[in-house]
PDB file of all heavy atoms in Angstrom:
ATOM      1  N   ALA A   1      89.416  88.033 108.230  1.00  0.00           N
ATOM      2  CA  ALA A   1      88.456  88.956 108.910  1.00  0.00           C
ATOM      3  C   ALA A   1      88.569  90.422 108.460  1.00  0.00           C
ATOM      4  O   ALA A   1      87.723  91.179 108.665  1.00  0.00           O
ATOM      5  CB  ALA A   1      88.680  88.946 110.444  1.00  0.00           C
ATOM      6  N   ASP A   2      89.671  90.744 107.729  1.00  0.00           N
ATOM      7  CA  ASP A   2      89.889  92.062 107.296  1.00  0.00           C
ATOM      8  C   ASP A   2      89.874  92.220 105.783  1.00  0.00           C
ATOM      9  O   ASP A   2      90.441  93.228 105.231  1.00  0.00           O
ATOM     10  CB  ASP A   2      91.252  92.536 107.799  1.00  0.00           C
ATOM     11  CG  ASP A   2      91.337  92.492 109.316  1.00  0.00           C
ATOM     12  OD1 ASP A   2      90.287  92.798 109.964  1.00  0.00           O
ATOM     13  OD2 ASP A   2      92.405  92.197 109.863  1.00  0.00           O
ATOM     14  N   LEU A   3      89.308  91.258 105.064  1.00  0.00           N
ATOM     15  CA  LEU A   3      89.381  91.327 103.624  1.00  0.00           C
ATOM     16  C   LEU A   3      88.723  92.533 103.031  1.00  0.00           C
ATOM     17  O   LEU A   3      89.130  93.102 102.041  1.00  0.00           O
ATOM     18  CB  LEU A   3      88.673  90.065 103.052  1.00  0.00           C
ATOM     19  CG  LEU A   3      89.480  88.699 103.293  1.00  0.00           C
ATOM     20  CD1 LEU A   3      88.702  87.574 102.610  1.00  0.00           C
ATOM     21  CD2 LEU A   3      90.884  88.833 102.694  1.00  0.00           C
ATOM     22  N   ASP A   4      87.657  93.086 103.676  1.00  0.00           N
ATOM     23  CA  ASP A   4      87.006  94.272 103.150  1.00  0.00           C
ATOM     24  C   ASP A   4      87.869  95.544 103.233  1.00  0.00           C
ATOM     25  O   ASP A   4      87.747  96.468 102.479  1.00  0.00           O
ATOM     26  CB  ASP A   4      85.681  94.497 103.892  1.00  0.00           C
ATOM     27  CG  ASP A   4      85.873  94.609 105.396  1.00  0.00           C
ATOM     28  OD1 ASP A   4      86.861  93.984 105.925  1.00  0.00           O
ATOM     29  OD2 ASP A   4      85.030  95.237 106.078  1.00  0.00           O
ATOM     30  N   LYS A   5      88.841  95.454 104.187  1.00  0.00           N
ATOM     31  CA  LYS A   5      89.779  96.631 104.426  1.00  0.00           C
ATOM     32  C   LYS A   5      90.979  96.525 103.485  1.00  0.00           C
ATOM     33  O   LYS A   5      91.528  97.495 103.024  1.00  0.00           O
ATOM     34  CB  LYS A   5      90.146  96.721 105.865  1.00  0.00           C
ATOM     35  CG  LYS A   5      88.998  96.950 106.803  1.00  0.00           C
ATOM     36  CD  LYS A   5      89.451  97.122 108.242  1.00  0.00           C
ATOM     37  CE  LYS A   5      88.353  97.389 109.197  1.00  0.00           C
ATOM     38  NZ  LYS A   5      88.743  97.390 110.608  1.00  0.00           N
ATOM     39  N   ILE A   6      91.540  95.309 103.400  1.00  0.00           N
ATOM     40  CA  ILE A   6      92.789  95.163 102.741  1.00  0.00           C
ATOM     41  C   ILE A   6      92.695  94.342 101.466  1.00  0.00           C
ATOM     42  O   ILE A   6      93.706  93.964 100.875  1.00  0.00           O
ATOM     43  CB  ILE A   6      93.831  94.479 103.623  1.00  0.00           C
ATOM     44  CG1 ILE A   6      93.409  93.061 104.008  1.00  0.00           C
ATOM     45  CG2 ILE A   6      94.081  95.337 104.898  1.00  0.00           C
ATOM     46  CD1 ILE A   6      94.414  92.289 104.755  1.00  0.00           C
ATOM     47  N   GLY A   7      91.458  94.190 100.945  1.00  0.00           N
ATOM     48  CA  GLY A   7      91.244  93.364  99.718  1.00  0.00           C
ATOM     49  C   GLY A   7      92.012  93.984  98.551  1.00  0.00           C
ATOM     50  O   GLY A   7      92.611  93.213  97.754  1.00  0.00           O
ATOM     51  N   VAL A   8      91.991  95.292  98.412  1.00  0.00           N
ATOM     52  CA  VAL A   8      92.681  95.924  97.282  1.00  0.00           C
ATOM     53  C   VAL A   8      94.136  95.749  97.427  1.00  0.00           C
ATOM     54  O   VAL A   8      94.863  95.495  96.423  1.00  0.00           O
ATOM     55  CB  VAL A   8      92.320  97.459  97.212  1.00  0.00           C
ATOM     56  CG1 VAL A   8      93.105  98.144  96.141  1.00  0.00           C
ATOM     57  CG2 VAL A   8      90.821  97.631  96.952  1.00  0.00           C
ATOM     58  N   SER A   9      94.695  95.869  98.584  1.00  0.00           N
ATOM     59  CA  SER A   9      96.176  95.646  98.821  1.00  0.00           C
ATOM     60  C   SER A   9      96.595  94.261  98.488  1.00  0.00           C
ATOM     61  O   SER A   9      97.602  94.026  97.855  1.00  0.00           O
ATOM     62  CB  SER A   9      96.467  96.011 100.343  1.00  0.00           C
ATOM     63  OG  SER A   9      96.172  97.299 100.615  1.00  0.00           O
ATOM     64  N   ILE A  10      95.725  93.305  98.856  1.00  0.00           N
ATOM     65  CA  ILE A  10      96.013  91.901  98.536  1.00  0.00           C
ATOM     66  C   ILE A  10      96.037  91.653  97.018  1.00  0.00           C
ATOM     67  O   ILE A  10      96.919  91.037  96.457  1.00  0.00           O
ATOM     68  CB  ILE A  10      95.051  90.964  99.205  1.00  0.00           C
ATOM     69  CG1 ILE A  10      95.171  91.023 100.699  1.00  0.00           C
ATOM     70  CG2 ILE A  10      95.283  89.531  98.744  1.00  0.00           C
ATOM     71  CD1 ILE A  10      94.166  90.237 101.491  1.00  0.00           C
ATOM     72  N   ALA A  11      95.004  92.297  96.302  1.00  0.00           N
ATOM     73  CA  ALA A  11      94.992  92.166  94.875  1.00  0.00           C
ATOM     74  C   ALA A  11      96.212  92.759  94.193  1.00  0.00           C
ATOM     75  O   ALA A  11      96.779  92.191  93.289  1.00  0.00           O
ATOM     76  CB  ALA A  11      93.732  92.755  94.342  1.00  0.00           C
ATOM     77  N   LEU A  12      96.625  93.965  94.722  1.00  0.00           N
ATOM     78  CA  LEU A  12      97.834  94.634  94.135  1.00  0.00           C
ATOM     79  C   LEU A  12      99.064  93.765  94.440  1.00  0.00           C
ATOM     80  O   LEU A  12      99.946  93.690  93.582  1.00  0.00           O
ATOM     81  CB  LEU A  12      97.996  96.018  94.823  1.00  0.00           C
ATOM     82  CG  LEU A  12      97.002  97.043  94.307  1.00  0.00           C
ATOM     83  CD1 LEU A  12      97.161  98.356  95.095  1.00  0.00           C
ATOM     84  CD2 LEU A  12      97.144  97.363  92.792  1.00  0.00           C
ATOM     85  N   PHE A  13      99.124  93.197  95.608  1.00  0.00           N
ATOM     86  CA  PHE A  13     100.271  92.298  95.935  1.00  0.00           C
ATOM     87  C   PHE A  13     100.357  91.117  94.942  1.00  0.00           C
ATOM     88  O   PHE A  13     101.370  90.769  94.423  1.00  0.00           O
ATOM     89  CB  PHE A  13     100.168  91.817  97.390  1.00  0.00           C
ATOM     90  CG  PHE A  13     101.116  90.625  97.668  1.00  0.00           C
ATOM     91  CD1 PHE A  13     102.446  90.917  97.992  1.00  0.00           C
ATOM     92  CD2 PHE A  13     100.703  89.284  97.540  1.00  0.00           C
ATOM     93  CE1 PHE A  13     103.314  89.910  98.268  1.00  0.00           C
ATOM     94  CE2 PHE A  13     101.570  88.295  97.804  1.00  0.00           C
ATOM     95  CZ  PHE A  13     102.923  88.612  98.112  1.00  0.00           C
ATOM     96  N   PHE A  14      99.185  90.563  94.582  1.00  0.00           N
ATOM     97  CA  PHE A  14      99.151  89.442  93.673  1.00  0.00           C
ATOM     98  C   PHE A  14      99.671  89.832  92.297  1.00  0.00           C
ATOM     99  O   PHE A  14     100.457  89.125  91.662  1.00  0.00           O
ATOM    100  CB  PHE A  14      97.821  88.811  93.655  1.00  0.00           C
ATOM    101  CG  PHE A  14      97.674  87.696  92.719  1.00  0.00           C
ATOM    102  CD1 PHE A  14      98.265  86.426  93.019  1.00  0.00           C
ATOM    103  CD2 PHE A  14      97.014  87.829  91.476  1.00  0.00           C
ATOM    104  CE1 PHE A  14      98.090  85.353  92.039  1.00  0.00           C
ATOM    105  CE2 PHE A  14      96.910  86.736  90.577  1.00  0.00           C
ATOM    106  CZ  PHE A  14      97.475  85.517  90.911  1.00  0.00           C
ATOM    107  N   VAL A  15      99.214  90.980  91.864  1.00  0.00           N
ATOM    108  CA  VAL A  15      99.558  91.494  90.512  1.00  0.00           C
ATOM    109  C   VAL A  15     101.047  91.767  90.457  1.00  0.00           C
ATOM    110  O   VAL A  15     101.755  91.387  89.554  1.00  0.00           O
ATOM    111  CB  VAL A  15      98.738  92.714  90.149  1.00  0.00           C
ATOM    112  CG1 VAL A  15      99.310  93.423  88.844  1.00  0.00           C
ATOM    113  CG2 VAL A  15      97.310  92.352  90.014  1.00  0.00           C
ATOM    114  N   VAL A  16     101.556  92.417  91.532  1.00  0.00           N
ATOM    115  CA  VAL A  16     103.006  92.730  91.543  1.00  0.00           C
ATOM    116  C   VAL A  16     103.798  91.445  91.639  1.00  0.00           C
ATOM    117  O   VAL A  16     104.829  91.312  90.947  1.00  0.00           O
ATOM    118  CB  VAL A  16     103.315  93.628  92.774  1.00  0.00           C
ATOM    119  CG1 VAL A  16     104.789  93.738  92.960  1.00  0.00           C
ATOM    120  CG2 VAL A  16     102.648  95.002  92.544  1.00  0.00           C
ATOM    121  N   GLY A  17     103.328  90.470  92.382  1.00  0.00           N
ATOM    122  CA  GLY A  17     104.065  89.180  92.500  1.00  0.00           C
ATOM    123  C   GLY A  17     104.134  88.495  91.147  1.00  0.00           C
ATOM    124  O   GLY A  17     105.178  87.947  90.772  1.00  0.00           O
ATOM    125  N   ILE A  18     103.096  88.502  90.401  1.00  0.00           N
ATOM    126  CA  ILE A  18     103.085  87.855  89.038  1.00  0.00           C
ATOM    127  C   ILE A  18     104.061  88.609  88.142  1.00  0.00           C
ATOM    128  O   ILE A  18     104.792  87.982  87.428  1.00  0.00           O
ATOM    129  CB  ILE A  18     101.630  87.860  88.461  1.00  0.00           C
ATOM    130  CG1 ILE A  18     100.680  87.031  89.273  1.00  0.00           C
ATOM    131  CG2 ILE A  18     101.661  87.390  86.975  1.00  0.00           C
ATOM    132  CD1 ILE A  18     100.999  85.536  89.344  1.00  0.00           C
ATOM    133  N   GLY A  19     104.053  89.906  88.234  1.00  0.00           N
ATOM    134  CA  GLY A  19     105.054  90.660  87.471  1.00  0.00           C
ATOM    135  C   GLY A  19     106.486  90.307  87.792  1.00  0.00           C
ATOM    136  O   GLY A  19     107.323  90.174  86.954  1.00  0.00           O
ATOM    137  N   ILE A  20     106.751  90.202  89.100  1.00  0.00           N
ATOM    138  CA  ILE A  20     108.107  89.879  89.590  1.00  0.00           C
ATOM    139  C   ILE A  20     108.443  88.513  89.103  1.00  0.00           C
ATOM    140  O   ILE A  20     109.610  88.221  88.755  1.00  0.00           O
ATOM    141  CB  ILE A  20     108.138  90.071  91.084  1.00  0.00           C
ATOM    142  CG1 ILE A  20     108.084  91.507  91.530  1.00  0.00           C
ATOM    143  CG2 ILE A  20     109.419  89.334  91.623  1.00  0.00           C
ATOM    144  CD1 ILE A  20     108.052  91.640  93.017  1.00  0.00           C
ATOM    145  N   ALA A  21     107.483  87.542  89.055  1.00  0.00           N
ATOM    146  CA  ALA A  21     107.796  86.157  88.605  1.00  0.00           C
ATOM    147  C   ALA A  21     108.289  86.202  87.226  1.00  0.00           C
ATOM    148  O   ALA A  21     109.291  85.533  86.839  1.00  0.00           O
ATOM    149  CB  ALA A  21     106.549  85.341  88.742  1.00  0.00           C
ATOM    150  N   PHE A  22     107.649  86.999  86.326  1.00  0.00           N
ATOM    151  CA  PHE A  22     108.075  87.057  84.936  1.00  0.00           C
ATOM    152  C   PHE A  22     109.405  87.786  84.789  1.00  0.00           C
ATOM    153  O   PHE A  22     110.301  87.335  84.074  1.00  0.00           O
ATOM    154  CB  PHE A  22     107.034  87.808  84.120  1.00  0.00           C
ATOM    155  CG  PHE A  22     105.854  86.900  83.705  1.00  0.00           C
ATOM    156  CD1 PHE A  22     104.747  86.786  84.517  1.00  0.00           C
ATOM    157  CD2 PHE A  22     105.880  86.205  82.491  1.00  0.00           C
ATOM    158  CE1 PHE A  22     103.702  85.984  84.153  1.00  0.00           C
ATOM    159  CE2 PHE A  22     104.784  85.356  82.101  1.00  0.00           C
ATOM    160  CZ  PHE A  22     103.731  85.301  82.956  1.00  0.00           C
ATOM    161  N   VAL A  23     109.618  88.867  85.499  1.00  0.00           N
ATOM    162  CA  VAL A  23     110.813  89.606  85.456  1.00  0.00           C
ATOM    163  C   VAL A  23     112.018  88.803  85.951  1.00  0.00           C
ATOM    164  O   VAL A  23     113.145  88.858  85.350  1.00  0.00           O
ATOM    165  CB  VAL A  23     110.693  90.935  86.246  1.00  0.00           C
ATOM    166  CG1 VAL A  23     112.092  91.612  86.403  1.00  0.00           C
ATOM    167  CG2 VAL A  23     109.733  91.882  85.599  1.00  0.00           C
ATOM    168  N   SER A  24     111.842  88.037  87.009  1.00  0.00           N
ATOM    169  CA  SER A  24     112.927  87.222  87.581  1.00  0.00           C
ATOM    170  C   SER A  24     113.382  86.124  86.568  1.00  0.00           C
ATOM    171  O   SER A  24     114.567  85.838  86.433  1.00  0.00           O
ATOM    172  CB  SER A  24     112.495  86.598  88.939  1.00  0.00           C
ATOM    173  OG  SER A  24     111.390  85.796  88.734  1.00  0.00           O
ATOM    174  N   GLU A  25     112.374  85.565  85.892  1.00  0.00           N
ATOM    175  CA  GLU A  25     112.786  84.498  84.870  1.00  0.00           C
ATOM    176  C   GLU A  25     113.566  85.207  83.761  1.00  0.00           C
ATOM    177  O   GLU A  25     114.485  84.628  83.204  1.00  0.00           O
ATOM    178  CB  GLU A  25     111.543  83.854  84.329  1.00  0.00           C
ATOM    179  CG  GLU A  25     111.895  82.707  83.373  1.00  0.00           C
ATOM    180  CD  GLU A  25     110.704  82.089  82.687  1.00  0.00           C
ATOM    181  OE1 GLU A  25     109.824  82.854  82.206  1.00  0.00           O
ATOM    182  OE2 GLU A  25     110.653  80.819  82.646  1.00  0.00           O
ATOM    183  N   ILE A  26     113.135  86.388  83.285  1.00  0.00           N
ATOM    184  CA  ILE A  26     113.873  87.097  82.265  1.00  0.00           C
ATOM    185  C   ILE A  26     115.284  87.355  82.726  1.00  0.00           C
ATOM    186  O   ILE A  26     116.258  87.229  81.979  1.00  0.00           O
ATOM    187  CB  ILE A  26     113.118  88.399  81.875  1.00  0.00           C
ATOM    188  CG1 ILE A  26     111.813  88.035  81.228  1.00  0.00           C
ATOM    189  CG2 ILE A  26     113.963  89.281  80.979  1.00  0.00           C
ATOM    190  CD1 ILE A  26     110.923  89.272  80.973  1.00  0.00           C
ATOM    191  N   MET A  27     115.461  87.781  83.984  1.00  0.00           N
ATOM    192  CA  MET A  27     116.778  87.972  84.491  1.00  0.00           C
ATOM    193  C   MET A  27     117.549  86.739  84.505  1.00  0.00           C
ATOM    194  O   MET A  27     118.829  86.791  84.207  1.00  0.00           O
ATOM    195  CB  MET A  27     116.661  88.559  85.913  1.00  0.00           C
ATOM    196  CG  MET A  27     116.200  90.043  86.029  1.00  0.00           C
ATOM    197  SD  MET A  27     116.259  90.616  87.723  1.00  0.00           S
ATOM    198  CE  MET A  27     117.975  90.488  88.063  1.00  0.00           C
ATOM    199  N   ARG A  28     117.007  85.627  84.866  1.00  0.00           N
ATOM    200  CA  ARG A  28     117.689  84.317  84.799  1.00  0.00           C
ATOM    201  C   ARG A  28     118.218  84.030  83.428  1.00  0.00           C
ATOM    202  O   ARG A  28     119.375  83.601  83.219  1.00  0.00           O
ATOM    203  CB  ARG A  28     116.730  83.245  85.368  1.00  0.00           C
ATOM    204  CG  ARG A  28     117.237  81.785  85.047  1.00  0.00           C
ATOM    205  CD  ARG A  28     118.364  81.414  85.989  1.00  0.00           C
ATOM    206  NE  ARG A  28     118.886  80.082  85.768  1.00  0.00           N
ATOM    207  CZ  ARG A  28     118.879  79.087  86.653  1.00  0.00           C
ATOM    208  NH1 ARG A  28     118.440  79.318  87.881  1.00  0.00           N
ATOM    209  NH2 ARG A  28     119.407  77.952  86.399  1.00  0.00           N
ATOM    210  N   LYS A  29     117.344  84.189  82.470  1.00  0.00           N
ATOM    211  CA  LYS A  29     117.730  83.937  81.091  1.00  0.00           C
ATOM    212  C   LYS A  29     118.871  84.881  80.618  1.00  0.00           C
ATOM    213  O   LYS A  29     119.787  84.470  79.878  1.00  0.00           O
ATOM    214  CB  LYS A  29     116.588  83.983  80.143  1.00  0.00           C
ATOM    215  CG  LYS A  29     115.569  82.842  80.328  1.00  0.00           C
ATOM    216  CD  LYS A  29     114.405  82.905  79.400  1.00  0.00           C
ATOM    217  CE  LYS A  29     113.457  81.805  79.571  1.00  0.00           C
ATOM    218  NZ  LYS A  29     112.309  81.867  78.678  1.00  0.00           N
ATOM    219  N   ALA A  30     118.732  86.129  81.016  1.00  0.00           N
ATOM    220  CA  ALA A  30     119.786  87.126  80.668  1.00  0.00           C
ATOM    221  C   ALA A  30     121.100  86.753  81.273  1.00  0.00           C
ATOM    222  O   ALA A  30     122.174  86.895  80.575  1.00  0.00           O
ATOM    223  CB  ALA A  30     119.372  88.490  81.079  1.00  0.00           C
ATOM    224  N   LEU A  31     121.078  86.314  82.545  1.00  0.00           N
ATOM    225  CA  LEU A  31     122.398  85.901  83.202  1.00  0.00           C
ATOM    226  C   LEU A  31     122.976  84.750  82.501  1.00  0.00           C
ATOM    227  O   LEU A  31     124.198  84.638  82.330  1.00  0.00           O
ATOM    228  CB  LEU A  31     122.052  85.560  84.658  1.00  0.00           C
ATOM    229  CG  LEU A  31     121.851  86.743  85.671  1.00  0.00           C
ATOM    230  CD1 LEU A  31     121.413  86.218  87.041  1.00  0.00           C
ATOM    231  CD2 LEU A  31     123.165  87.573  85.801  1.00  0.00           C
ATOM    232  N   GLU A  32     122.113  83.724  82.158  1.00  0.00           N
ATOM    233  CA  GLU A  32     122.631  82.539  81.436  1.00  0.00           C
ATOM    234  C   GLU A  32     123.256  82.906  80.105  1.00  0.00           C
ATOM    235  O   GLU A  32     124.327  82.433  79.711  1.00  0.00           O
ATOM    236  CB  GLU A  32     121.562  81.530  81.269  1.00  0.00           C
ATOM    237  CG  GLU A  32     121.074  80.870  82.556  1.00  0.00           C
ATOM    238  CD  GLU A  32     119.926  79.908  82.430  1.00  0.00           C
ATOM    239  OE1 GLU A  32     119.251  80.049  81.359  1.00  0.00           O
ATOM    240  OE2 GLU A  32     119.689  79.114  83.327  1.00  0.00           O
ATOM    241  N   GLN A  33     122.593  83.803  79.340  1.00  0.00           N
ATOM    242  CA  GLN A  33     123.182  84.208  78.079  1.00  0.00           C
ATOM    243  C   GLN A  33     124.470  84.967  78.163  1.00  0.00           C
ATOM    244  O   GLN A  33     125.388  84.778  77.448  1.00  0.00           O
ATOM    245  CB  GLN A  33     122.043  85.064  77.336  1.00  0.00           C
ATOM    246  CG  GLN A  33     120.902  84.290  76.862  1.00  0.00           C
ATOM    247  CD  GLN A  33     119.792  85.153  76.266  1.00  0.00           C
ATOM    248  OE1 GLN A  33     119.946  86.433  76.264  1.00  0.00           O
ATOM    249  NE2 GLN A  33     118.717  84.523  75.804  1.00  0.00           N
ATOM    250  N   ALA A  34     124.439  85.810  79.220  1.00  0.00           N
ATOM    251  CA  ALA A  34     125.722  86.677  79.471  1.00  0.00           C
ATOM    252  C   ALA A  34     126.841  85.730  79.860  1.00  0.00           C
ATOM    253  O   ALA A  34     127.992  85.895  79.437  1.00  0.00           O
ATOM    254  CB  ALA A  34     125.392  87.747  80.536  1.00  0.00           C
ATOM    255  N   TRP A  35     126.532  84.742  80.737  1.00  0.00           N
ATOM    256  CA  TRP A  35     127.614  83.826  81.101  1.00  0.00           C
ATOM    257  C   TRP A  35     128.104  82.962  79.954  1.00  0.00           C
ATOM    258  O   TRP A  35     129.247  82.712  79.838  1.00  0.00           O
ATOM    259  CB  TRP A  35     127.099  82.883  82.260  1.00  0.00           C
ATOM    260  CG  TRP A  35     127.987  81.796  82.682  1.00  0.00           C
ATOM    261  CD1 TRP A  35     127.594  80.496  82.779  1.00  0.00           C
ATOM    262  CD2 TRP A  35     129.338  81.824  83.027  1.00  0.00           C
ATOM    263  NE1 TRP A  35     128.640  79.747  83.169  1.00  0.00           N
ATOM    264  CE2 TRP A  35     129.735  80.498  83.333  1.00  0.00           C
ATOM    265  CE3 TRP A  35     130.228  82.854  83.087  1.00  0.00           C
ATOM    266  CZ2 TRP A  35     131.030  80.192  83.698  1.00  0.00           C
ATOM    267  CZ3 TRP A  35     131.576  82.563  83.447  1.00  0.00           C
ATOM    268  CH2 TRP A  35     131.940  81.230  83.770  1.00  0.00           C
ATOM    269  N   ALA A  36     127.147  82.487  79.129  1.00  0.00           N
ATOM    270  CA  ALA A  36     127.531  81.715  77.968  1.00  0.00           C
ATOM    271  C   ALA A  36     128.395  82.531  76.989  1.00  0.00           C
ATOM    272  O   ALA A  36     129.378  82.090  76.442  1.00  0.00           O
ATOM    273  CB  ALA A  36     126.282  81.229  77.183  1.00  0.00           C
TER     274      ALA A  36
END
């Protein structure tokens, strides 16, 4: 019911979430390499 008010916020949340997904995988690989 509030998409017209918070649509931009939801879009920004999705973009930030995608970025966090990529960064977290990079962190995982960095941790594995450091541990190895």
